[in-house]
Amino acid sequence: MMRCIACAILLAACGGGSKPLPAWDKTLPPSSVMGSWRGLVPARGIIHLHSPYSWDACDGAPRSPAPLGAIDESCLDDLRAALCTDQIDFAALSDHDDTMSDEDFTTLFSMRGNDTAVTDATGRQIASHMTCDDGHVVTITVGTENDLMPIMLHDHVPGTVSDRQAIYTGSDAASAMAMRQAGALVWIAHTEEHTIDQLRDVLPDGIEVYNLHANIDPKIRSMYLNEDADAALDAAVQFADTNPNHPEPDLALLGFLEVNQPAVTTWNQILADGRHIPATAGTDAHQNVLPTIFADGERGDSYRRLMRWFSNVVLVQDPTDPTQIQAALAAGQVFAVFELMGTPDGFDIHATTAAGATVELGGTVNVSDQATLVVDVPRVLNLSRSLPAPEINATVLHVDSTGVTTVATGAGPELDVPLAAPGAYRVEITMVPHHLGPYLGDLGTTYAEQSLPWIYASPIYVQ
């Protein structure tokens, strides 16, 4: 299925004056600036990403016309450059079955230049390392997105190409098991399109709590999100303005970013069942719909722009080790963050027990441990004092078989919540990004005066 990301952003025209502002940064800082957590460091990752080995990537022409012809090297160059520019630590590719299932597994890493293979104990390649010009290392893994989204495969599922295709396009528990046997974590993309009964059958290792395509596609908005079909298009179109005092093009997401409520509701339902399940945000980038050049000299749907908007941060000891990254995802040591609104500084969630033990994200405590959930509410990293201050708020939610209860909310700097009842305790951080208002030019500040999701953190569990 074609995943259009930015198909709404067309040309618009408006004009006006301008005023001096701190320069907009089209890049992201190294993930290390977010801090460290008791021996763990952050690894910034994109989970749900399409390369030229997806049939619908690269303006719908990712390969030369011959069957399985040469891939579009220019499009691949854009993807690789964006991973470096945005300081992405790991990219979990998720190419559609057509055409990834036809390729030898190692081909799908798209290794170029001085890339190196990462192998397991048997010598099998499970990842690759791409070293950027500045020395930054990106870890690249292979996966596929169809009805299910197995990520970080260690090899193709077994059998002929037809056998692979049957498994990769499967939607049941047997297909999910075959994917896991090939080393993958089985994720659910586009959670809004899946029923809770299917997820209870598949028992995925993780789900998307947010998907960019879902926010903007008119059919998905009306059919699955119960939102106005054209509202996102009408808002996004304004950011293609190239006249004086145009809005910063990177802020186009502000025009249509909203909670994917059906996905959040499904996540809560799975947690209410007693399942331990992390959640991530899906970029779903293809660079396939909007070659129009915006005011910053870049196409509207560039890999760089979309991957700068948000990512998923896992907590590991070594941010270049794919085994640690995969284990952290499986354990739920992960949070999704919309860095368009700022890189978080000082963010932390953990539990402490009465005996002095510390439990990280994804971990479990007992009621008898008399544990406390500690939430350090983040600030925006290096925010200029010349900009309006954002409003940041943390909410702690308790999910059990009776439903979802808000147990604490506040601006911090710290929230302490007794973990007194069994269930899942998860944290959402929202923001009113007033500091982005001055970058909206002639559009005014309305889009910077709404409360938006900033961070979704996976839970800590109590039994």
Protein backbone atom coordinates (compact mmCIF):
# COMPACT_ATOMS: atom_id res chain seq x y z
CA MET A 1 0.00 0.00 0.00
CA MET A 2 1.36 3.37 -0.94
CA ARG A 3 2.19 5.51 2.08
CA CYS A 4 2.00 9.14 1.03
CA ILE A 5 3.58 11.32 3.65
CA ALA A 6 3.44 14.87 2.43
CA CYS A 7 0.91 14.67 -0.40
CA ALA A 8 -0.95 17.66 1.00
CA ILE A 9 1.79 20.25 0.79
CA LEU A 10 1.18 22.24 -2.38
CA LEU A 11 2.10 25.76 -3.47
CA ALA A 12 0.65 28.73 -1.59
CA ALA A 13 1.32 32.44 -1.68
CA CYS A 14 1.40 35.07 1.03
CA GLY A 15 3.65 37.99 1.85
CA GLY A 16 4.63 40.44 4.53
CA GLY A 17 7.47 41.71 6.65
CA SER A 18 10.00 39.90 8.78
CA LYS A 19 12.00 40.39 11.99
CA PRO A 20 15.35 39.07 13.16
CA LEU A 21 15.21 35.63 14.71
CA PRO A 22 17.71 33.05 15.87
CA ALA A 23 18.50 31.06 12.73
CA TRP A 24 16.32 28.01 12.23
CA ASP A 25 18.42 24.85 12.53
CA LYS A 26 17.60 22.32 9.80
CA THR A 27 19.66 19.68 11.61
CA LEU A 28 19.42 17.89 14.93
CA PRO A 29 22.14 17.77 17.59
CA PRO A 30 23.82 14.48 18.52
CA SER A 31 21.46 12.39 20.61
CA SER A 32 24.05 12.40 23.40
CA VAL A 33 22.99 15.95 24.35
CA MET A 34 19.79 14.51 25.82
CA GLY A 35 21.84 13.18 28.75
CA SER A 36 22.45 9.78 30.26
CA TRP A 37 20.47 7.48 32.49
CA ARG A 38 22.36 5.46 35.09
CA GLY A 39 24.85 4.07 32.61
CA LEU A 40 22.47 4.18 29.64
CA VAL A 41 22.74 6.65 26.75
CA PRO A 42 20.22 7.63 24.06
CA ALA A 43 20.15 6.27 20.52
CA ARG A 44 17.90 8.24 18.16
CA GLY A 45 16.14 6.05 15.62
CA ILE A 46 13.68 6.05 12.76
CA ILE A 47 11.35 3.06 12.88
CA HIS A 48 9.28 2.77 9.68
CA LEU A 49 11.34 4.04 6.76
CA HIS A 50 11.34 3.19 3.06
CA SER A 51 14.34 2.99 0.73
CA PRO A 52 14.44 2.45 -3.04
CA TYR A 53 13.65 -1.20 -2.34
CA SER A 54 10.01 -0.21 -1.75
CA TRP A 55 8.06 -0.14 -5.00
CA ASP A 56 6.42 3.20 -4.23
CA ALA A 57 9.47 5.14 -3.00
CA CYS A 58 11.41 7.81 -4.88
CA ASP A 59 8.50 9.43 -6.74
CA GLY A 60 7.12 6.01 -7.60
CA ALA A 61 10.16 5.11 -9.74
CA PRO A 62 12.77 3.67 -7.36
CA ARG A 63 14.26 1.35 -9.99
CA SER A 64 14.97 1.33 -13.70
CA PRO A 65 12.16 -0.10 -15.84
CA ALA A 66 13.58 -3.60 -16.24
CA PRO A 67 12.38 -6.11 -13.65
CA LEU A 68 14.53 -5.63 -10.58
CA GLY A 69 16.56 -2.99 -12.39
CA ALA A 70 19.11 -0.67 -10.82
CA ILE A 71 17.83 1.43 -7.93
CA ASP A 72 17.68 5.22 -8.01
CA GLU A 73 21.08 6.14 -6.59
CA SER A 74 20.16 9.80 -6.29
CA CYS A 75 17.20 8.95 -4.08
CA LEU A 76 19.36 6.62 -2.00
CA ASP A 77 21.93 9.40 -1.67
CA ASP A 78 19.19 11.68 -0.30
CA LEU A 79 18.25 9.06 2.29
CA ARG A 80 21.82 8.43 3.38
CA ALA A 81 22.61 12.15 3.57
CA ALA A 82 19.48 12.79 5.64
CA LEU A 83 20.44 10.12 8.17
CA CYS A 84 23.72 11.97 8.67
CA THR A 85 22.28 15.49 8.70
CA ASP A 86 19.64 14.56 11.27
CA GLN A 87 22.16 12.67 13.43
CA ILE A 88 20.08 9.49 13.32
CA ASP A 89 21.76 6.69 15.26
CA PHE A 90 19.75 3.80 13.84
CA ALA A 91 17.45 3.34 10.86
CA ALA A 92 15.06 0.40 10.95
CA LEU A 93 14.22 0.09 7.26
CA SER A 94 10.74 -1.29 6.56
CA ASP A 95 10.50 -1.72 2.80
CA HIS A 96 7.36 -3.12 1.25
CA ASP A 97 7.34 -6.77 0.24
CA ASP A 98 7.47 -5.56 -3.35
CA THR A 99 10.39 -5.38 -4.07
CA MET A 100 12.45 -6.26 -0.98
CA SER A 101 11.43 -9.93 -0.93
CA ASP A 102 13.01 -10.47 -4.36
CA GLU A 103 16.47 -9.38 -3.23
CA ASP A 104 19.31 -11.17 -1.52
CA PHE A 105 19.12 -10.13 2.11
CA THR A 106 22.50 -8.40 2.25
CA THR A 107 21.62 -6.27 -0.80
CA LEU A 108 18.89 -4.58 1.25
CA PHE A 109 21.40 -2.82 3.50
CA SER A 110 22.28 -0.63 0.48
CA MET A 111 25.90 -0.47 1.56
CA ARG A 112 28.00 2.12 -0.24
CA GLY A 113 31.44 3.67 0.16
CA ASN A 114 33.09 2.79 3.45
CA ASP A 115 30.03 1.09 5.00
CA THR A 116 30.86 -1.97 7.07
CA ALA A 117 28.84 -5.10 7.80
CA VAL A 118 27.76 -5.94 11.35
CA THR A 119 27.61 -9.70 11.86
CA ASP A 120 26.38 -12.04 14.55
CA ALA A 121 28.31 -14.89 16.16
CA THR A 122 27.69 -17.11 13.11
CA GLY A 123 29.07 -14.53 10.68
CA ARG A 124 25.61 -13.64 9.34
CA GLN A 125 25.11 -9.94 8.53
CA ILE A 126 22.38 -8.44 10.70
CA ALA A 127 23.12 -4.73 10.20
CA SER A 128 25.46 -2.26 8.56
CA HIS A 129 27.35 0.77 9.81
CA MET A 130 27.44 3.91 7.71
CA THR A 131 30.05 6.46 8.83
CA CYS A 132 29.16 10.07 8.04
CA ASP A 133 31.71 12.70 7.03
CA ASP A 134 31.79 14.02 10.60
CA GLY A 135 32.39 10.55 12.04
CA HIS A 136 28.82 9.96 13.17
CA VAL A 137 27.83 6.29 12.81
CA VAL A 138 24.38 5.20 11.61
CA THR A 139 23.30 1.60 12.22
CA ILE A 140 21.05 0.31 9.43
CA THR A 141 18.81 -2.75 9.73
CA VAL A 142 16.37 -4.45 7.36
CA GLY A 143 12.64 -5.03 7.75
CA THR A 144 9.41 -4.92 5.79
CA GLU A 145 6.05 -3.18 6.14
CA ASN A 146 2.91 -4.82 4.88
CA ASP A 147 0.00 -5.76 7.14
CA LEU A 148 2.60 -6.56 9.83
CA MET A 149 5.93 -4.75 10.15
CA PRO A 150 8.80 -7.01 11.20
CA ILE A 151 11.79 -4.80 12.02
CA MET A 152 15.46 -5.63 12.45
CA LEU A 153 15.32 -8.97 10.63
CA HIS A 154 18.48 -11.06 10.89
CA ASP A 155 17.77 -12.74 7.56
CA HIS A 156 14.94 -13.30 5.11
CA VAL A 157 12.26 -15.70 6.28
CA PRO A 158 13.04 -19.11 4.74
CA GLY A 159 11.89 -20.51 1.42
CA THR A 160 11.51 -19.33 -2.15
CA VAL A 161 10.67 -15.77 -3.10
CA SER A 162 7.02 -16.81 -3.23
CA ASP A 163 7.31 -18.36 0.23
CA ARG A 164 8.82 -15.13 1.56
CA GLN A 165 6.09 -13.05 0.00
CA ALA A 166 3.38 -15.20 1.57
CA ILE A 167 4.89 -14.72 5.03
CA TYR A 168 5.78 -11.03 4.67
CA THR A 169 2.24 -10.21 3.56
CA GLY A 170 0.64 -12.41 6.23
CA SER A 171 -1.41 -10.96 9.04
CA ASP A 172 -1.82 -13.80 11.53
CA ALA A 173 0.05 -15.28 14.46
CA ALA A 174 1.75 -17.92 12.29
CA SER A 175 3.22 -15.25 10.01
CA ALA A 176 4.38 -13.26 13.04
CA MET A 177 6.09 -16.34 14.47
CA ALA A 178 7.95 -16.95 11.19
CA MET A 179 9.14 -13.35 11.26
CA ARG A 180 10.39 -13.71 14.83
CA GLN A 181 12.20 -16.90 13.92
CA ALA A 182 14.06 -14.82 11.32
CA GLY A 183 15.23 -12.54 14.13
CA ALA A 184 12.67 -9.75 13.83
CA LEU A 185 10.60 -7.85 16.32
CA VAL A 186 7.02 -7.77 15.02
CA TRP A 187 5.67 -4.25 15.07
CA ILE A 188 2.27 -2.93 14.03
CA ALA A 189 2.34 0.05 11.68
CA HIS A 190 -0.78 2.13 11.13
CA THR A 191 -2.30 0.89 14.36
CA GLU A 192 -5.43 2.90 13.58
CA GLU A 193 -6.20 0.44 10.75
CA HIS A 194 -6.00 -2.72 12.89
CA THR A 195 -8.63 -4.25 15.10
CA ILE A 196 -7.93 -5.12 18.69
CA ASP A 197 -8.92 -8.73 17.94
CA GLN A 198 -6.16 -9.03 15.32
CA LEU A 199 -3.59 -7.60 17.72
CA ARG A 200 -4.69 -10.00 20.43
CA ASP A 201 -4.10 -12.83 17.96
CA VAL A 202 -0.72 -11.61 16.71
CA LEU A 203 0.52 -10.34 20.11
CA PRO A 204 2.95 -7.85 18.53
CA ASP A 205 6.22 -6.85 20.16
CA GLY A 206 5.35 -3.17 19.70
CA ILE A 207 2.96 -0.81 17.96
CA GLU A 208 2.91 2.63 16.39
CA VAL A 209 1.10 5.10 18.61
CA TYR A 210 1.54 7.75 15.92
CA ASN A 211 1.93 7.59 12.13
CA LEU A 212 2.62 10.66 10.02
CA HIS A 213 0.70 9.43 7.00
CA ALA A 214 -2.41 8.89 9.10
CA ASN A 215 -2.42 12.53 10.19
CA ILE A 216 -2.51 13.91 6.67
CA ASP A 217 -4.13 11.39 4.31
CA PRO A 218 -7.79 12.39 3.73
CA LYS A 219 -9.04 8.79 3.54
CA ILE A 220 -7.31 7.68 6.72
CA ARG A 221 -8.37 10.84 8.55
CA SER A 222 -12.04 10.38 7.71
CA MET A 223 -12.20 6.56 7.83
CA TYR A 224 -10.02 5.78 10.84
CA LEU A 225 -9.41 8.97 12.82
CA ASN A 226 -12.90 10.46 12.54
CA GLU A 227 -11.34 13.78 11.55
CA ASP A 228 -12.19 16.24 8.79
CA ALA A 229 -10.76 14.72 5.61
CA ASP A 230 -9.38 17.94 4.12
CA ALA A 231 -8.39 19.90 7.23
CA ALA A 232 -4.78 18.69 7.18
CA LEU A 233 -4.43 19.51 3.50
CA ASP A 234 -5.83 22.98 3.96
CA ALA A 235 -3.38 23.68 6.78
CA ALA A 236 -0.30 22.11 5.23
CA VAL A 237 -0.66 23.93 1.92
CA GLN A 238 0.26 27.20 3.59
CA PHE A 239 3.83 26.13 4.36
CA ALA A 240 4.89 25.93 0.72
CA ASP A 241 4.92 29.73 0.49
CA THR A 242 8.16 31.12 -0.98
CA ASN A 243 7.34 34.83 -0.71
CA PRO A 244 8.98 37.20 1.79
CA ASN A 245 8.08 36.44 5.41
CA HIS A 246 7.07 32.90 4.50
CA PRO A 247 6.69 30.40 7.34
CA GLU A 248 9.64 28.12 8.02
CA PRO A 249 8.94 25.09 5.78
CA ASP A 250 10.10 22.63 8.43
CA LEU A 251 7.17 23.74 10.60
CA ALA A 252 4.61 22.29 8.17
CA LEU A 253 3.96 19.50 10.66
CA LEU A 254 2.39 22.04 13.04
CA GLY A 255 -0.44 22.43 10.52
CA PHE A 256 -1.64 18.87 10.91
CA LEU A 257 0.01 17.24 13.92
CA GLU A 258 -2.56 15.77 16.27
CA VAL A 259 -3.05 12.76 18.47
CA ASN A 260 -3.80 9.54 16.55
CA GLN A 261 -6.49 8.75 19.11
CA PRO A 262 -7.55 5.33 17.75
CA ALA A 263 -3.92 4.17 17.99
CA VAL A 264 -3.62 5.50 21.54
CA THR A 265 -6.89 3.82 22.47
CA THR A 266 -5.69 0.50 21.04
CA TRP A 267 -2.44 0.80 22.99
CA ASN A 268 -4.42 1.33 26.18
CA GLN A 269 -6.60 -1.68 25.39
CA ILE A 270 -3.57 -3.95 24.98
CA LEU A 271 -2.07 -2.62 28.21
CA ALA A 272 -5.41 -3.18 29.96
CA ASP A 273 -5.17 -6.83 28.90
CA GLY A 274 -2.03 -7.04 31.00
CA ARG A 275 0.35 -7.13 28.03
CA HIS A 276 3.72 -5.37 28.20
CA ILE A 277 4.04 -3.46 24.94
CA PRO A 278 6.13 -0.44 23.90
CA ALA A 279 4.98 2.18 21.40
CA THR A 280 6.82 4.19 18.77
CA ALA A 281 6.12 6.89 16.20
CA GLY A 282 6.29 5.99 12.50
CA THR A 283 7.88 8.43 10.06
CA ASP A 284 6.82 6.35 7.04
CA ALA A 285 9.07 8.35 4.71
CA HIS A 286 9.24 7.47 1.01
CA GLN A 287 10.28 10.77 -0.67
CA ASN A 288 7.66 9.99 -3.26
CA VAL A 289 5.01 12.68 -3.54
CA LEU A 290 6.22 16.27 -3.54
CA PRO A 291 9.30 17.21 -5.58
CA THR A 292 8.26 20.87 -5.45
CA ILE A 293 11.12 22.98 -4.07
CA PHE A 294 10.24 24.99 -0.98
CA ALA A 295 11.69 28.25 0.28
CA ASP A 296 14.62 26.47 1.93
CA GLY A 297 15.73 25.05 -1.43
CA GLU A 298 14.58 21.53 -0.59
CA ARG A 299 11.72 19.37 -1.82
CA GLY A 300 8.68 19.38 0.42
CA ASP A 301 8.80 15.71 1.36
CA SER A 302 12.55 15.32 1.71
CA TYR A 303 13.92 12.55 3.88
CA ARG A 304 15.83 15.19 5.84
CA ARG A 305 12.72 17.21 6.64
CA LEU A 306 10.53 14.30 7.68
CA MET A 307 13.17 12.61 9.82
CA ARG A 308 13.88 15.88 11.60
CA TRP A 309 10.26 16.05 12.75
CA PHE A 310 10.31 13.15 15.24
CA SER A 311 12.10 9.95 16.15
CA ASN A 312 12.29 7.16 18.71
CA VAL A 313 14.92 7.17 21.44
CA VAL A 314 16.11 3.90 22.98
CA LEU A 315 18.31 3.72 26.06
CA VAL A 316 21.40 1.54 25.57
CA GLN A 317 25.03 1.30 26.62
CA ASP A 318 26.33 1.44 23.03
CA PRO A 319 24.23 3.38 20.49
CA THR A 320 26.00 1.65 17.58
CA ASP A 321 25.20 -1.91 18.67
CA PRO A 322 22.13 -3.28 16.81
CA THR A 323 21.75 -6.10 19.31
CA GLN A 324 21.46 -3.64 22.19
CA ILE A 325 19.07 -1.44 20.21
CA GLN A 326 16.82 -4.40 19.42
CA ALA A 327 16.90 -5.58 23.03
CA ALA A 328 16.02 -2.11 24.31
CA LEU A 329 13.06 -1.93 21.94
CA ALA A 330 11.86 -5.35 23.01
CA ALA A 331 12.21 -4.35 26.68
CA GLY A 332 10.34 -1.08 26.22
CA GLN A 333 13.30 1.18 27.02
CA VAL A 334 12.08 3.66 24.42
CA PHE A 335 10.23 6.94 24.03
CA ALA A 336 9.00 8.78 20.95
CA VAL A 337 9.79 12.49 20.75
CA PHE A 338 8.71 15.21 18.32
CA GLU A 339 12.00 17.08 18.07
CA LEU A 340 10.49 19.59 15.67
CA MET A 341 9.41 21.33 18.88
CA GLY A 342 12.79 20.91 20.50
CA THR A 343 15.23 18.33 21.76
CA PRO A 344 14.36 17.36 25.35
CA ASP A 345 16.83 18.29 28.07
CA GLY A 346 16.65 16.74 31.52
CA PHE A 347 14.03 14.11 30.69
CA ASP A 348 13.92 10.98 32.84
CA ILE A 349 11.43 8.33 33.89
CA HIS A 350 12.27 5.57 36.31
CA ALA A 351 10.93 3.85 39.40
CA THR A 352 12.60 3.61 42.78
CA THR A 353 11.69 1.00 45.36
CA ALA A 354 11.61 1.36 49.13
CA ALA A 355 14.74 -0.80 49.24
CA GLY A 356 16.58 1.66 46.98
CA ALA A 357 16.49 -0.27 43.68
CA THR A 358 16.01 1.57 40.38
CA VAL A 359 13.81 0.25 37.57
CA GLU A 360 14.06 1.71 34.06
CA LEU A 361 11.43 2.25 31.37
CA GLY A 362 9.82 -1.04 30.41
CA GLY A 363 10.66 -2.61 33.75
CA THR A 364 8.39 -4.18 36.36
CA VAL A 365 7.98 -3.70 40.11
CA ASN A 366 5.76 -5.42 42.64
CA VAL A 367 3.12 -3.67 44.70
CA SER A 368 5.01 -4.88 47.75
CA ASP A 369 8.11 -2.96 46.60
CA GLN A 370 6.42 0.30 47.65
CA ALA A 371 7.87 1.90 44.54
CA THR A 372 7.57 5.46 43.30
CA LEU A 373 7.48 6.59 39.69
CA VAL A 374 9.83 9.54 39.22
CA VAL A 375 9.29 11.81 36.21
CA ASP A 376 11.75 14.59 35.46
CA VAL A 377 9.85 16.91 33.14
CA PRO A 378 12.13 18.05 30.30
CA ARG A 379 13.00 21.49 29.03
CA VAL A 380 13.73 22.47 25.43
CA LEU A 381 17.47 22.17 24.92
CA ASN A 382 19.34 25.46 24.36
CA LEU A 383 16.17 27.51 23.92
CA SER A 384 17.01 31.12 23.10
CA ARG A 385 15.82 33.61 25.71
CA SER A 386 14.72 35.85 22.86
CA LEU A 387 11.89 33.43 22.04
CA PRO A 388 8.59 33.02 23.91
CA ALA A 389 8.67 30.23 26.46
CA PRO A 390 6.76 27.03 25.61
CA GLU A 391 4.24 25.52 28.02
CA ILE A 392 5.26 21.96 28.90
CA ASN A 393 3.05 19.58 30.86
CA ALA A 394 3.47 15.97 31.98
CA THR A 395 0.63 13.51 32.52
CA VAL A 396 0.98 10.15 34.26
CA LEU A 397 -1.64 7.59 33.22
CA HIS A 398 -2.49 4.34 34.99
CA VAL A 399 -3.92 1.60 32.75
CA ASP A 400 -5.49 -1.57 34.11
CA SER A 401 -8.48 -3.78 33.37
CA THR A 402 -10.87 -1.07 34.57
CA GLY A 403 -9.62 1.53 32.10
CA VAL A 404 -7.33 4.56 32.01
CA THR A 405 -6.93 6.94 34.94
CA THR A 406 -4.93 10.15 35.15
CA VAL A 407 -2.98 9.91 38.39
CA ALA A 408 -0.77 12.99 38.13
CA THR A 409 -0.25 16.01 35.93
CA GLY A 410 1.95 19.06 36.11
CA ALA A 411 4.75 21.15 34.69
CA GLY A 412 7.34 19.68 37.03
CA PRO A 413 10.23 19.94 37.36
CA GLU A 414 9.53 16.54 38.96
CA LEU A 415 6.47 14.39 39.48
CA ASP A 416 6.56 11.60 42.08
CA VAL A 417 3.76 9.05 41.83
CA PRO A 418 3.30 6.09 44.23
CA LEU A 419 3.02 2.83 42.27
CA ALA A 420 0.32 1.51 44.53
CA ALA A 421 -1.82 -0.57 42.17
CA PRO A 422 -1.12 -3.21 39.52
CA GLY A 423 -1.17 -2.12 35.89
CA ALA A 424 0.85 -0.05 33.44
CA TYR A 425 1.99 3.49 34.26
CA ARG A 426 2.88 5.56 31.23
CA VAL A 427 3.79 9.19 30.70
CA GLU A 428 2.81 11.68 28.02
CA ILE A 429 4.50 15.08 27.70
CA THR A 430 2.61 17.78 25.83
CA MET A 431 3.71 21.21 24.73
CA VAL A 432 2.24 24.50 23.58
CA PRO A 433 5.20 25.55 21.39
CA HIS A 434 4.98 29.32 21.73
CA HIS A 435 8.69 29.54 20.87
CA LEU A 436 7.93 28.46 17.29
CA GLY A 437 5.40 31.23 16.69
CA PRO A 438 7.94 33.80 15.46
CA TYR A 439 9.01 31.35 12.72
CA LEU A 440 5.51 31.18 11.26
CA GLY A 441 5.79 34.50 9.41
CA ASP A 442 2.62 35.73 7.78
CA LEU A 443 0.64 32.78 9.10
CA GLY A 444 0.61 34.34 12.55
CA THR A 445 1.13 32.30 15.71
CA THR A 446 -2.06 30.20 15.82
CA TYR A 447 -0.31 26.92 15.04
CA ALA A 448 2.11 27.57 17.92
CA GLU A 449 -0.71 28.15 20.40
CA GLN A 450 -2.13 24.62 20.49
CA SER A 451 -1.25 21.81 22.87
CA LEU A 452 0.59 19.09 20.94
CA PRO A 453 2.17 15.74 21.80
CA TRP A 454 5.90 16.07 22.49
CA ILE A 455 6.84 12.76 24.10
CA TYR A 456 5.17 9.35 24.36
CA ALA A 457 7.05 7.13 26.80
CA SER A 458 6.63 3.38 27.08
CA PRO A 459 5.32 2.18 30.45
CA ILE A 460 6.69 0.91 33.72
CA TYR A 461 4.60 -2.00 35.02
CA VAL A 462 3.35 -2.97 38.47
CA GLN A 463 2.30 -6.49 39.39
